[in-house]
Amino acid sequence: MKIEKISDKIAFSESSITKKIIFKEDKLLSFVLNFKPGQGVPPHNHEQSDLLVHVLSGNGEMTVDGQLNNINAGDVIHCYGKEVFSIKNTSDKDMSLFIVLTPNPSAVYSKEI
């Protein structure tokens, strides 16, 4: 068993989003993404891995396969691996997301930023 505190993974940077790894295993990868206002991730997918997003705080927009969705604290979103998505903090407050990818897609996604 492993225990981590999400609060330890909430850290922001003025220059870019931050990504703080929680668990990195063969079958899953979990991390926290932190966005200052205006920051985001460009459209991409996660190969054969399903994506779960839990909005911990803040709000913004998430586009999935061209469909724009407003996301808010407390929302949980499930995307299939082939779906193309992007996320942007469109508010004036910080936004943090708890992310789970399963299975762990590749070493590219397993690095902190």
N, C-alpha and C. Protein backbone atom coordinates (compact mmCIF):
# COMPACT_ATOMS: atom_id res chain seq x y z
N MET A 1 0.84 -1.18 0.00
CA MET A 1 0.00 0.00 0.00
C MET A 1 0.88 1.24 0.00
N LYS A 2 0.40 2.27 -0.67
CA LYS A 2 1.08 3.56 -0.69
C LYS A 2 0.07 4.65 -0.38
N ILE A 3 0.49 5.66 0.34
CA ILE A 3 -0.36 6.81 0.64
C ILE A 3 0.40 8.08 0.27
N GLU A 4 -0.27 8.95 -0.48
CA GLU A 4 0.29 10.25 -0.84
C GLU A 4 -0.75 11.32 -0.52
N LYS A 5 -0.31 12.51 -0.28
CA LYS A 5 -1.21 13.64 -0.04
C LYS A 5 -1.29 14.50 -1.30
N ILE A 6 -2.50 14.64 -1.82
CA ILE A 6 -2.70 15.47 -3.01
C ILE A 6 -2.26 16.91 -2.72
N SER A 7 -2.49 17.37 -1.50
CA SER A 7 -2.13 18.76 -1.17
C SER A 7 -0.64 19.02 -1.36
N ASP A 8 0.18 17.98 -1.23
CA ASP A 8 1.63 18.13 -1.46
C ASP A 8 1.96 18.30 -2.94
N LYS A 9 1.02 18.02 -3.82
CA LYS A 9 1.24 18.06 -5.26
C LYS A 9 0.66 19.31 -5.91
N ILE A 10 0.10 20.19 -5.12
CA ILE A 10 -0.48 21.41 -5.66
C ILE A 10 0.57 22.52 -5.58
N ALA A 11 1.14 22.85 -6.73
CA ALA A 11 2.18 23.87 -6.84
C ALA A 11 2.05 24.51 -8.21
N PHE A 12 2.13 25.82 -8.26
CA PHE A 12 1.89 26.56 -9.49
C PHE A 12 3.15 27.27 -9.97
N SER A 13 3.20 27.52 -11.28
CA SER A 13 4.30 28.26 -11.90
C SER A 13 3.69 29.31 -12.83
N GLU A 14 4.24 30.49 -12.80
CA GLU A 14 3.76 31.55 -13.70
C GLU A 14 4.08 31.24 -15.16
N SER A 15 5.14 30.45 -15.39
CA SER A 15 5.61 30.23 -16.77
C SER A 15 4.93 29.07 -17.49
N SER A 16 4.43 28.07 -16.76
CA SER A 16 3.78 26.92 -17.41
C SER A 16 2.97 26.13 -16.38
N ILE A 17 2.15 25.22 -16.88
CA ILE A 17 1.45 24.33 -15.97
C ILE A 17 2.48 23.50 -15.22
N THR A 18 2.08 22.93 -14.09
CA THR A 18 2.94 21.98 -13.40
C THR A 18 2.24 20.63 -13.37
N LYS A 19 3.04 19.58 -13.37
CA LYS A 19 2.55 18.21 -13.32
C LYS A 19 3.34 17.50 -12.24
N LYS A 20 2.64 17.05 -11.19
CA LYS A 20 3.28 16.40 -10.06
C LYS A 20 2.77 14.95 -9.96
N ILE A 21 3.69 14.01 -10.16
CA ILE A 21 3.35 12.59 -10.16
C ILE A 21 2.96 12.12 -8.77
N ILE A 22 1.89 11.34 -8.69
CA ILE A 22 1.48 10.71 -7.43
C ILE A 22 1.89 9.24 -7.45
N PHE A 23 1.35 8.48 -8.39
CA PHE A 23 1.71 7.06 -8.53
C PHE A 23 2.07 6.76 -9.98
N LYS A 24 3.15 6.02 -10.17
CA LYS A 24 3.59 5.61 -11.50
C LYS A 24 3.81 4.11 -11.46
N GLU A 25 2.88 3.37 -12.04
CA GLU A 25 2.91 1.91 -12.05
C GLU A 25 2.68 1.43 -13.49
N ASP A 26 2.87 0.14 -13.73
CA ASP A 26 2.63 -0.41 -15.06
C ASP A 26 1.18 -0.21 -15.50
N LYS A 27 0.26 -0.41 -14.57
CA LYS A 27 -1.16 -0.39 -14.93
C LYS A 27 -1.81 0.97 -14.79
N LEU A 28 -1.15 1.92 -14.10
CA LEU A 28 -1.77 3.23 -13.97
C LEU A 28 -0.73 4.31 -13.71
N LEU A 29 -1.11 5.51 -14.06
CA LEU A 29 -0.32 6.70 -13.78
C LEU A 29 -1.29 7.73 -13.21
N SER A 30 -0.94 8.32 -12.08
CA SER A 30 -1.77 9.38 -11.52
C SER A 30 -0.90 10.57 -11.17
N PHE A 31 -1.48 11.75 -11.35
CA PHE A 31 -0.74 12.98 -11.11
C PHE A 31 -1.72 14.14 -10.93
N VAL A 32 -1.17 15.26 -10.49
CA VAL A 32 -1.96 16.49 -10.38
C VAL A 32 -1.42 17.48 -11.40
N LEU A 33 -2.32 18.06 -12.19
CA LEU A 33 -1.99 19.15 -13.10
C LEU A 33 -2.47 20.44 -12.46
N ASN A 34 -1.60 21.46 -12.46
CA ASN A 34 -1.92 22.75 -11.86
C ASN A 34 -1.80 23.85 -12.91
N PHE A 35 -2.83 24.65 -13.04
CA PHE A 35 -2.92 25.69 -14.07
C PHE A 35 -3.14 27.06 -13.43
N LYS A 36 -2.32 28.02 -13.78
CA LYS A 36 -2.61 29.42 -13.48
C LYS A 36 -3.63 29.88 -14.53
N PRO A 37 -4.32 31.00 -14.28
CA PRO A 37 -5.27 31.51 -15.27
C PRO A 37 -4.61 31.67 -16.65
N GLY A 38 -5.31 31.19 -17.67
CA GLY A 38 -4.83 31.28 -19.05
C GLY A 38 -3.98 30.12 -19.51
N GLN A 39 -3.48 29.30 -18.59
CA GLN A 39 -2.64 28.16 -18.97
C GLN A 39 -3.50 26.99 -19.41
N GLY A 40 -2.92 26.11 -20.26
CA GLY A 40 -3.67 24.96 -20.73
C GLY A 40 -2.77 23.91 -21.36
N VAL A 41 -3.39 22.84 -21.80
CA VAL A 41 -2.69 21.78 -22.55
C VAL A 41 -3.33 21.70 -23.94
N PRO A 42 -2.51 21.55 -24.98
CA PRO A 42 -3.03 21.52 -26.35
C PRO A 42 -3.76 20.20 -26.64
N PRO A 43 -4.50 20.15 -27.74
CA PRO A 43 -5.22 18.93 -28.12
C PRO A 43 -4.26 17.74 -28.28
N HIS A 44 -4.64 16.62 -27.66
CA HIS A 44 -3.88 15.37 -27.78
C HIS A 44 -4.75 14.24 -27.27
N ASN A 45 -4.27 13.01 -27.42
CA ASN A 45 -4.96 11.86 -26.83
C ASN A 45 -3.93 11.03 -26.08
N HIS A 46 -4.40 9.94 -25.48
CA HIS A 46 -3.51 9.10 -24.70
C HIS A 46 -3.52 7.66 -25.19
N GLU A 47 -3.30 7.51 -26.50
CA GLU A 47 -3.11 6.19 -27.10
C GLU A 47 -4.24 5.25 -26.70
N GLN A 48 -3.94 4.18 -26.04
CA GLN A 48 -4.93 3.18 -25.63
C GLN A 48 -5.34 3.32 -24.17
N SER A 49 -4.99 4.44 -23.54
CA SER A 49 -5.25 4.62 -22.11
C SER A 49 -6.47 5.48 -21.86
N ASP A 50 -7.34 5.02 -20.97
CA ASP A 50 -8.46 5.84 -20.54
C ASP A 50 -7.95 6.94 -19.62
N LEU A 51 -8.65 8.06 -19.62
CA LEU A 51 -8.29 9.23 -18.84
C LEU A 51 -9.43 9.56 -17.90
N LEU A 52 -9.11 9.72 -16.62
CA LEU A 52 -10.07 10.22 -15.63
C LEU A 52 -9.54 11.54 -15.12
N VAL A 53 -10.40 12.55 -15.11
CA VAL A 53 -10.04 13.88 -14.63
C VAL A 53 -11.00 14.25 -13.51
N HIS A 54 -10.46 14.59 -12.34
CA HIS A 54 -11.27 15.10 -11.24
C HIS A 54 -10.82 16.54 -10.99
N VAL A 55 -11.74 17.49 -11.18
CA VAL A 55 -11.42 18.89 -10.96
C VAL A 55 -11.41 19.14 -9.45
N LEU A 56 -10.21 19.33 -8.90
CA LEU A 56 -10.06 19.54 -7.46
C LEU A 56 -10.47 20.95 -7.05
N SER A 57 -10.02 21.94 -7.84
CA SER A 57 -10.34 23.34 -7.54
C SER A 57 -10.30 24.14 -8.83
N GLY A 58 -11.05 25.25 -8.82
CA GLY A 58 -11.07 26.12 -9.98
C GLY A 58 -12.04 25.64 -11.04
N ASN A 59 -11.93 26.25 -12.21
CA ASN A 59 -12.79 25.87 -13.33
C ASN A 59 -12.15 26.32 -14.63
N GLY A 60 -12.66 25.77 -15.72
CA GLY A 60 -12.10 26.09 -17.03
C GLY A 60 -12.90 25.42 -18.12
N GLU A 61 -12.21 25.13 -19.21
CA GLU A 61 -12.85 24.49 -20.36
C GLU A 61 -12.07 23.25 -20.77
N MET A 62 -12.81 22.23 -21.18
CA MET A 62 -12.22 21.01 -21.70
C MET A 62 -12.93 20.68 -23.00
N THR A 63 -12.16 20.58 -24.07
CA THR A 63 -12.73 20.22 -25.37
C THR A 63 -12.38 18.75 -25.63
N VAL A 64 -13.40 17.96 -25.95
CA VAL A 64 -13.22 16.54 -26.23
C VAL A 64 -13.82 16.26 -27.60
N ASP A 65 -12.96 15.79 -28.53
CA ASP A 65 -13.39 15.53 -29.91
C ASP A 65 -14.21 16.68 -30.48
N GLY A 66 -13.72 17.91 -30.24
CA GLY A 66 -14.35 19.10 -30.80
C GLY A 66 -15.50 19.67 -30.02
N GLN A 67 -15.95 18.99 -28.96
CA GLN A 67 -17.07 19.48 -28.16
C GLN A 67 -16.55 20.21 -26.93
N LEU A 68 -16.91 21.49 -26.79
CA LEU A 68 -16.47 22.33 -25.69
C LEU A 68 -17.34 22.08 -24.45
N ASN A 69 -16.68 21.88 -23.31
CA ASN A 69 -17.38 21.64 -22.05
C ASN A 69 -16.80 22.54 -20.97
N ASN A 70 -17.66 23.15 -20.16
CA ASN A 70 -17.20 23.86 -18.98
C ASN A 70 -16.97 22.84 -17.88
N ILE A 71 -15.83 22.95 -17.19
CA ILE A 71 -15.53 22.04 -16.09
C ILE A 71 -15.35 22.87 -14.81
N ASN A 72 -15.85 22.31 -13.70
CA ASN A 72 -15.86 23.01 -12.43
C ASN A 72 -15.42 22.10 -11.30
N ALA A 73 -14.97 22.70 -10.20
CA ALA A 73 -14.57 21.92 -9.03
C ALA A 73 -15.64 20.89 -8.69
N GLY A 74 -15.19 19.66 -8.48
CA GLY A 74 -16.11 18.56 -8.16
C GLY A 74 -16.47 17.70 -9.35
N ASP A 75 -16.27 18.20 -10.57
CA ASP A 75 -16.58 17.41 -11.77
C ASP A 75 -15.58 16.26 -11.93
N VAL A 76 -16.06 15.14 -12.43
CA VAL A 76 -15.21 14.00 -12.80
C VAL A 76 -15.53 13.66 -14.25
N ILE A 77 -14.49 13.59 -15.07
CA ILE A 77 -14.65 13.38 -16.51
C ILE A 77 -13.91 12.11 -16.92
N HIS A 78 -14.53 11.30 -17.76
CA HIS A 78 -13.89 10.09 -18.30
C HIS A 78 -13.76 10.25 -19.80
N CYS A 79 -12.54 10.11 -20.31
CA CYS A 79 -12.29 10.13 -21.76
C CYS A 79 -11.66 8.81 -22.17
N TYR A 80 -12.07 8.30 -23.32
CA TYR A 80 -11.46 7.10 -23.87
C TYR A 80 -10.14 7.47 -24.55
N GLY A 81 -9.24 6.54 -24.65
CA GLY A 81 -7.89 6.78 -25.15
C GLY A 81 -7.81 7.47 -26.49
N LYS A 82 -8.68 7.14 -27.40
CA LYS A 82 -8.60 7.71 -28.75
C LYS A 82 -9.23 9.10 -28.84
N GLU A 83 -9.99 9.53 -27.83
CA GLU A 83 -10.62 10.85 -27.87
C GLU A 83 -9.54 11.94 -27.72
N VAL A 84 -9.63 12.94 -28.57
CA VAL A 84 -8.69 14.06 -28.53
C VAL A 84 -9.27 15.14 -27.61
N PHE A 85 -8.45 15.58 -26.66
CA PHE A 85 -8.94 16.57 -25.70
C PHE A 85 -7.90 17.66 -25.47
N SER A 86 -8.39 18.80 -24.99
CA SER A 86 -7.54 19.89 -24.54
C SER A 86 -8.20 20.48 -23.29
N ILE A 87 -7.39 21.14 -22.47
CA ILE A 87 -7.89 21.73 -21.23
C ILE A 87 -7.28 23.12 -21.10
N LYS A 88 -8.11 24.09 -20.64
CA LYS A 88 -7.61 25.44 -20.41
C LYS A 88 -8.30 26.05 -19.19
N ASN A 89 -7.50 26.71 -18.37
CA ASN A 89 -8.05 27.47 -17.26
C ASN A 89 -8.50 28.82 -17.82
N THR A 90 -9.80 29.00 -17.92
CA THR A 90 -10.36 30.23 -18.49
C THR A 90 -10.85 31.18 -17.40
N SER A 91 -10.55 30.86 -16.14
CA SER A 91 -11.01 31.70 -15.04
C SER A 91 -9.89 32.62 -14.57
N ASP A 92 -10.17 33.37 -13.52
CA ASP A 92 -9.15 34.25 -12.94
C ASP A 92 -8.57 33.67 -11.66
N LYS A 93 -8.84 32.38 -11.40
CA LYS A 93 -8.32 31.69 -10.22
C LYS A 93 -7.52 30.45 -10.66
N ASP A 94 -6.65 29.97 -9.80
CA ASP A 94 -5.88 28.76 -10.08
C ASP A 94 -6.80 27.55 -10.20
N MET A 95 -6.37 26.57 -10.99
CA MET A 95 -7.15 25.34 -11.18
C MET A 95 -6.22 24.13 -11.01
N SER A 96 -6.68 23.13 -10.26
CA SER A 96 -5.93 21.88 -10.08
C SER A 96 -6.80 20.70 -10.46
N LEU A 97 -6.18 19.74 -11.18
CA LEU A 97 -6.88 18.53 -11.63
C LEU A 97 -6.14 17.30 -11.16
N PHE A 98 -6.87 16.32 -10.64
CA PHE A 98 -6.32 15.01 -10.32
C PHE A 98 -6.57 14.12 -11.53
N ILE A 99 -5.50 13.55 -12.07
CA ILE A 99 -5.57 12.78 -13.32
C ILE A 99 -5.18 11.33 -13.07
N VAL A 100 -5.92 10.41 -13.68
CA VAL A 100 -5.56 8.98 -13.68
C VAL A 100 -5.57 8.51 -15.13
N LEU A 101 -4.48 7.89 -15.56
CA LEU A 101 -4.39 7.24 -16.86
C LEU A 101 -4.20 5.75 -16.63
N THR A 102 -5.02 4.95 -17.31
CA THR A 102 -4.87 3.51 -17.16
C THR A 102 -5.16 2.81 -18.47
N PRO A 103 -4.27 1.93 -18.93
CA PRO A 103 -2.96 1.66 -18.34
C PRO A 103 -2.01 2.84 -18.55
N ASN A 104 -0.89 2.82 -17.84
CA ASN A 104 0.13 3.86 -17.99
C ASN A 104 0.55 3.87 -19.46
N PRO A 105 0.32 4.98 -20.20
CA PRO A 105 0.51 4.96 -21.65
C PRO A 105 1.94 4.83 -22.14
N SER A 106 2.87 5.58 -21.56
CA SER A 106 4.25 5.52 -22.03
C SER A 106 5.10 6.40 -21.13
N ALA A 107 6.40 6.28 -21.28
CA ALA A 107 7.33 7.06 -20.47
C ALA A 107 7.18 8.55 -20.71
N VAL A 108 6.70 8.95 -21.87
CA VAL A 108 6.53 10.37 -22.19
C VAL A 108 5.62 11.05 -21.17
N TYR A 109 4.56 10.39 -20.78
CA TYR A 109 3.57 10.98 -19.89
C TYR A 109 3.94 10.82 -18.42
N SER A 110 4.96 10.07 -18.11
CA SER A 110 5.33 9.75 -16.73
C SER A 110 6.35 10.71 -16.13
N LYS A 111 6.56 11.86 -16.77
CA LYS A 111 7.55 12.81 -16.29
C LYS A 111 6.88 14.03 -15.68
N GLU A 112 7.46 14.52 -14.59
CA GLU A 112 6.96 15.74 -13.97
C GLU A 112 7.37 16.95 -14.78
N ILE A 113 6.55 17.99 -14.70
CA ILE A 113 6.92 19.29 -15.28
C ILE A 113 6.57 20.36 -14.26
